[in-house]
Amino acid sequence: MDYTTKRGMKFSAHRAYLDPVRERPNLRVITYAHVEKVIFDEQNNAVAVSYVHKNK
């Protein structure tokens, strides 16, 4: 398993990045998906993602 370090402790990417934002209404996690393109707004914030899910 890959780990990242946060405040001197080892965390999985899941625990370090996903857990703190899991309840956001604008977050949708889709497994078995391949991102084709990330769409950015004028301030360079990611606002959408184009993806393929299970080859569809």
PDB file of N, CA and C in Angstrom:
ATOM      1  N   MET A   1       0.840  -1.179   0.000  1.00  0.00           N
ATOM      2  CA  MET A   1       0.000   0.000   0.000  1.00  0.00           C
ATOM      3  C   MET A   1       0.883   1.240   0.000  1.00  0.00           C
ATOM      4  N   ASP A   2       0.496   2.226  -0.796  1.00  0.00           N
ATOM      5  CA  ASP A   2       1.223   3.489  -0.840  1.00  0.00           C
ATOM      6  C   ASP A   2       0.766   4.389   0.302  1.00  0.00           C
ATOM      7  N   TYR A   3       1.704   5.168   0.803  1.00  0.00           N
ATOM      8  CA  TYR A   3       1.401   6.062   1.918  1.00  0.00           C
ATOM      9  C   TYR A   3       1.861   7.469   1.599  1.00  0.00           C
ATOM     10  N   THR A   4       1.248   8.425   2.240  1.00  0.00           N
ATOM     11  CA  THR A   4       1.688   9.813   2.215  1.00  0.00           C
ATOM     12  C   THR A   4       1.940  10.221   3.663  1.00  0.00           C
ATOM     13  N   THR A   5       2.718  11.259   3.866  1.00  0.00           N
ATOM     14  CA  THR A   5       3.020  11.709   5.222  1.00  0.00           C
ATOM     15  C   THR A   5       2.268  13.002   5.503  1.00  0.00           C
ATOM     16  N   LYS A   6       1.599  13.034   6.637  1.00  0.00           N
ATOM     17  CA  LYS A   6       0.853  14.219   7.060  1.00  0.00           C
ATOM     18  C   LYS A   6       1.155  14.444   8.532  1.00  0.00           C
ATOM     19  N   ARG A   7       1.698  15.618   8.838  1.00  0.00           N
ATOM     20  CA  ARG A   7       2.085  15.950  10.215  1.00  0.00           C
ATOM     21  C   ARG A   7       2.995  14.887  10.832  1.00  0.00           C
ATOM     22  N   GLY A   8       3.916  14.366  10.040  1.00  0.00           N
ATOM     23  CA  GLY A   8       4.890  13.404  10.539  1.00  0.00           C
ATOM     24  C   GLY A   8       4.373  11.990  10.697  1.00  0.00           C
ATOM     25  N   MET A   9       3.127  11.734  10.287  1.00  0.00           N
ATOM     26  CA  MET A   9       2.551  10.392  10.404  1.00  0.00           C
ATOM     27  C   MET A   9       2.229   9.852   9.019  1.00  0.00           C
ATOM     28  N   LYS A  10       2.288   8.527   8.880  1.00  0.00           N
ATOM     29  CA  LYS A  10       1.950   7.893   7.608  1.00  0.00           C
ATOM     30  C   LYS A  10       0.439   7.747   7.479  1.00  0.00           C
ATOM     31  N   PHE A  11      -0.076   8.104   6.316  1.00  0.00           N
ATOM     32  CA  PHE A  11      -1.494   7.969   6.006  1.00  0.00           C
ATOM     33  C   PHE A  11      -1.627   7.383   4.614  1.00  0.00           C
ATOM     34  N   SER A  12      -2.652   6.579   4.399  1.00  0.00           N
ATOM     35  CA  SER A  12      -2.963   6.169   3.036  1.00  0.00           C
ATOM     36  C   SER A  12      -3.554   7.383   2.333  1.00  0.00           C
ATOM     37  N   ALA A  13      -3.515   7.399   1.008  1.00  0.00           N
ATOM     38  CA  ALA A  13      -4.109   8.511   0.257  1.00  0.00           C
ATOM     39  C   ALA A  13      -5.590   8.628   0.589  1.00  0.00           C
ATOM     40  N   HIS A  14      -6.234   7.510   0.759  1.00  0.00           N
ATOM     41  CA  HIS A  14      -7.658   7.489   1.118  1.00  0.00           C
ATOM     42  C   HIS A  14      -7.896   8.247   2.416  1.00  0.00           C
ATOM     43  N   ARG A  15      -7.128   7.924   3.411  1.00  0.00           N
ATOM     44  CA  ARG A  15      -7.310   8.544   4.728  1.00  0.00           C
ATOM     45  C   ARG A  15      -6.882  10.009   4.743  1.00  0.00           C
ATOM     46  N   ALA A  16      -5.827  10.328   4.017  1.00  0.00           N
ATOM     47  CA  ALA A  16      -5.297  11.695   4.041  1.00  0.00           C
ATOM     48  C   ALA A  16      -6.115  12.672   3.206  1.00  0.00           C
ATOM     49  N   TYR A  17      -6.653  12.214   2.077  1.00  0.00           N
ATOM     50  CA  TYR A  17      -7.309  13.149   1.154  1.00  0.00           C
ATOM     51  C   TYR A  17      -8.811  12.935   1.022  1.00  0.00           C
ATOM     52  N   LEU A  18      -9.267  11.694   0.998  1.00  0.00           N
ATOM     53  CA  LEU A  18     -10.690  11.445   0.764  1.00  0.00           C
ATOM     54  C   LEU A  18     -11.529  11.568   2.030  1.00  0.00           C
ATOM     55  N   ASP A  19     -11.087  10.999   3.115  1.00  0.00           N
ATOM     56  CA  ASP A  19     -11.887  11.026   4.350  1.00  0.00           C
ATOM     57  C   ASP A  19     -12.300  12.435   4.788  1.00  0.00           C
ATOM     58  N   PRO A  20     -11.411  13.436   4.742  1.00  0.00           N
ATOM     59  CA  PRO A  20     -11.816  14.772   5.205  1.00  0.00           C
ATOM     60  C   PRO A  20     -12.900  15.442   4.348  1.00  0.00           C
ATOM     61  N   VAL A  21     -13.073  15.004   3.096  1.00  0.00           N
ATOM     62  CA  VAL A  21     -14.038  15.665   2.198  1.00  0.00           C
ATOM     63  C   VAL A  21     -15.161  14.742   1.739  1.00  0.00           C
ATOM     64  N   ARG A  22     -15.219  13.561   2.284  1.00  0.00           N
ATOM     65  CA  ARG A  22     -16.168  12.535   1.842  1.00  0.00           C
ATOM     66  C   ARG A  22     -17.624  13.001   1.825  1.00  0.00           C
ATOM     67  N   GLU A  23     -18.030  13.854   2.753  1.00  0.00           N
ATOM     68  CA  GLU A  23     -19.431  14.270   2.874  1.00  0.00           C
ATOM     69  C   GLU A  23     -19.801  15.486   2.028  1.00  0.00           C
ATOM     70  N   ARG A  24     -18.880  15.989   1.226  1.00  0.00           N
ATOM     71  CA  ARG A  24     -19.194  17.153   0.389  1.00  0.00           C
ATOM     72  C   ARG A  24     -20.272  16.787  -0.636  1.00  0.00           C
ATOM     73  N   PRO A  25     -21.276  17.639  -0.793  1.00  0.00           N
ATOM     74  CA  PRO A  25     -22.357  17.327  -1.731  1.00  0.00           C
ATOM     75  C   PRO A  25     -21.917  17.352  -3.191  1.00  0.00           C
ATOM     76  N   ASN A  26     -20.810  18.023  -3.492  1.00  0.00           N
ATOM     77  CA  ASN A  26     -20.350  18.106  -4.872  1.00  0.00           C
ATOM     78  C   ASN A  26     -19.261  17.084  -5.196  1.00  0.00           C
ATOM     79  N   LEU A  27     -19.078  16.091  -4.334  1.00  0.00           N
ATOM     80  CA  LEU A  27     -18.074  15.053  -4.559  1.00  0.00           C
ATOM     81  C   LEU A  27     -18.754  13.732  -4.857  1.00  0.00           C
ATOM     82  N   ARG A  28     -18.362  13.132  -5.967  1.00  0.00           N
ATOM     83  CA  ARG A  28     -18.875  11.807  -6.327  1.00  0.00           C
ATOM     84  C   ARG A  28     -17.673  10.936  -6.671  1.00  0.00           C
ATOM     85  N   VAL A  29     -17.500   9.834  -5.964  1.00  0.00           N
ATOM     86  CA  VAL A  29     -16.399   8.913  -6.206  1.00  0.00           C
ATOM     87  C   VAL A  29     -16.945   7.738  -7.001  1.00  0.00           C
ATOM     88  N   ILE A  30     -16.343   7.486  -8.155  1.00  0.00           N
ATOM     89  CA  ILE A  30     -16.782   6.407  -9.031  1.00  0.00           C
ATOM     90  C   ILE A  30     -15.613   5.451  -9.221  1.00  0.00           C
ATOM     91  N   THR A  31     -15.813   4.197  -8.856  1.00  0.00           N
ATOM     92  CA  THR A  31     -14.762   3.201  -9.048  1.00  0.00           C
ATOM     93  C   THR A  31     -14.845   2.639 -10.462  1.00  0.00           C
ATOM     94  N   TYR A  32     -13.742   2.077 -10.926  1.00  0.00           N
ATOM     95  CA  TYR A  32     -13.640   1.491 -12.267  1.00  0.00           C
ATOM     96  C   TYR A  32     -13.903   2.525 -13.353  1.00  0.00           C
ATOM     97  N   ALA A  33     -13.442   3.754 -13.130  1.00  0.00           N
ATOM     98  CA  ALA A  33     -13.603   4.830 -14.105  1.00  0.00           C
ATOM     99  C   ALA A  33     -12.227   5.324 -14.543  1.00  0.00           C
ATOM    100  N   HIS A  34     -12.164   5.792 -15.791  1.00  0.00           N
ATOM    101  CA  HIS A  34     -10.929   6.341 -16.349  1.00  0.00           C
ATOM    102  C   HIS A  34     -11.194   7.790 -16.743  1.00  0.00           C
ATOM    103  N   VAL A  35     -10.453   8.715 -16.143  1.00  0.00           N
ATOM    104  CA  VAL A  35     -10.626  10.138 -16.441  1.00  0.00           C
ATOM    105  C   VAL A  35     -10.009  10.440 -17.801  1.00  0.00           C
ATOM    106  N   GLU A  36     -10.802  11.085 -18.662  1.00  0.00           N
ATOM    107  CA  GLU A  36     -10.315  11.499 -19.974  1.00  0.00           C
ATOM    108  C   GLU A  36      -9.877  12.958 -19.973  1.00  0.00           C
ATOM    109  N   LYS A  37     -10.593  13.792 -19.204  1.00  0.00           N
ATOM    110  CA  LYS A  37     -10.292  15.220 -19.212  1.00  0.00           C
ATOM    111  C   LYS A  37     -10.817  15.870 -17.938  1.00  0.00           C
ATOM    112  N   VAL A  38     -10.041  16.799 -17.392  1.00  0.00           N
ATOM    113  CA  VAL A  38     -10.473  17.619 -16.259  1.00  0.00           C
ATOM    114  C   VAL A  38     -10.766  19.013 -16.809  1.00  0.00           C
ATOM    115  N   ILE A  39     -11.954  19.540 -16.515  1.00  0.00           N
ATOM    116  CA  ILE A  39     -12.371  20.845 -17.017  1.00  0.00           C
ATOM    117  C   ILE A  39     -12.150  21.888 -15.927  1.00  0.00           C
ATOM    118  N   PHE A  40     -11.477  22.996 -16.298  1.00  0.00           N
ATOM    119  CA  PHE A  40     -11.135  24.063 -15.368  1.00  0.00           C
ATOM    120  C   PHE A  40     -11.896  25.337 -15.711  1.00  0.00           C
ATOM    121  N   ASP A  41     -12.196  26.154 -14.681  1.00  0.00           N
ATOM    122  CA  ASP A  41     -12.824  27.456 -14.902  1.00  0.00           C
ATOM    123  C   ASP A  41     -11.743  28.522 -15.091  1.00  0.00           C
ATOM    124  N   GLU A  42     -12.163  29.790 -15.158  1.00  0.00           N
ATOM    125  CA  GLU A  42     -11.234  30.899 -15.400  1.00  0.00           C
ATOM    126  C   GLU A  42     -10.202  31.074 -14.284  1.00  0.00           C
ATOM    127  N   GLN A  43     -10.545  30.670 -13.069  1.00  0.00           N
ATOM    128  CA  GLN A  43      -9.611  30.778 -11.940  1.00  0.00           C
ATOM    129  C   GLN A  43      -8.748  29.524 -11.787  1.00  0.00           C
ATOM    130  N   ASN A  44      -8.823  28.634 -12.765  1.00  0.00           N
ATOM    131  CA  ASN A  44      -8.041  27.394 -12.782  1.00  0.00           C
ATOM    132  C   ASN A  44      -8.481  26.400 -11.713  1.00  0.00           C
ATOM    133  N   ASN A  45      -9.759  26.459 -11.316  1.00  0.00           N
ATOM    134  CA  ASN A  45     -10.334  25.475 -10.400  1.00  0.00           C
ATOM    135  C   ASN A  45     -10.947  24.350 -11.225  1.00  0.00           C
ATOM    136  N   ALA A  46     -10.727  23.115 -10.827  1.00  0.00           N
ATOM    137  CA  ALA A  46     -11.370  21.993 -11.506  1.00  0.00           C
ATOM    138  C   ALA A  46     -12.862  22.045 -11.198  1.00  0.00           C
ATOM    139  N   VAL A  47     -13.697  22.029 -12.242  1.00  0.00           N
ATOM    140  CA  VAL A  47     -15.144  22.141 -12.052  1.00  0.00           C
ATOM    141  C   VAL A  47     -15.907  20.938 -12.591  1.00  0.00           C
ATOM    142  N   ALA A  48     -15.256  20.114 -13.409  1.00  0.00           N
ATOM    143  CA  ALA A  48     -15.924  18.940 -13.967  1.00  0.00           C
ATOM    144  C   ALA A  48     -14.875  17.960 -14.474  1.00  0.00           C
ATOM    145  N   VAL A  49     -15.333  16.737 -14.709  1.00  0.00           N
ATOM    146  CA  VAL A  49     -14.451  15.692 -15.216  1.00  0.00           C
ATOM    147  C   VAL A  49     -15.187  14.920 -16.297  1.00  0.00           C
ATOM    148  N   SER A  50     -14.496  14.667 -17.393  1.00  0.00           N
ATOM    149  CA  SER A  50     -15.016  13.791 -18.441  1.00  0.00           C
ATOM    150  C   SER A  50     -14.377  12.424 -18.204  1.00  0.00           C
ATOM    151  N   TYR A  51     -15.185  11.360 -18.164  1.00  0.00           N
ATOM    152  CA  TYR A  51     -14.644  10.047 -17.821  1.00  0.00           C
ATOM    153  C   TYR A  51     -15.384   8.928 -18.554  1.00  0.00           C
ATOM    154  N   VAL A  52     -14.767   7.755 -18.557  1.00  0.00           N
ATOM    155  CA  VAL A  52     -15.377   6.536 -19.082  1.00  0.00           C
ATOM    156  C   VAL A  52     -15.535   5.589 -17.907  1.00  0.00           C
ATOM    157  N   HIS A  53     -16.727   5.024 -17.754  1.00  0.00           N
ATOM    158  CA  HIS A  53     -17.007   4.113 -16.649  1.00  0.00           C
ATOM    159  C   HIS A  53     -17.309   2.727 -17.202  1.00  0.00           C
ATOM    160  N   LYS A  54     -16.479   1.764 -16.834  1.00  0.00           N
ATOM    161  CA  LYS A  54     -16.635   0.379 -17.294  1.00  0.00           C
ATOM    162  C   LYS A  54     -16.752   0.301 -18.812  1.00  0.00           C
ATOM    163  N   ASN A  55     -15.860   1.036 -19.494  1.00  0.00           N
ATOM    164  CA  ASN A  55     -15.779   1.064 -20.963  1.00  0.00           C
ATOM    165  C   ASN A  55     -17.038   1.558 -21.647  1.00  0.00           C
ATOM    166  N   LYS A  56     -17.847   2.372 -20.968  1.00  0.00           N
ATOM    167  CA  LYS A  56     -19.069   2.923 -21.583  1.00  0.00           C
ATOM    168  C   LYS A  56     -18.933   4.409 -21.772  1.00  0.00           C
TER     169      LYS A  56
END
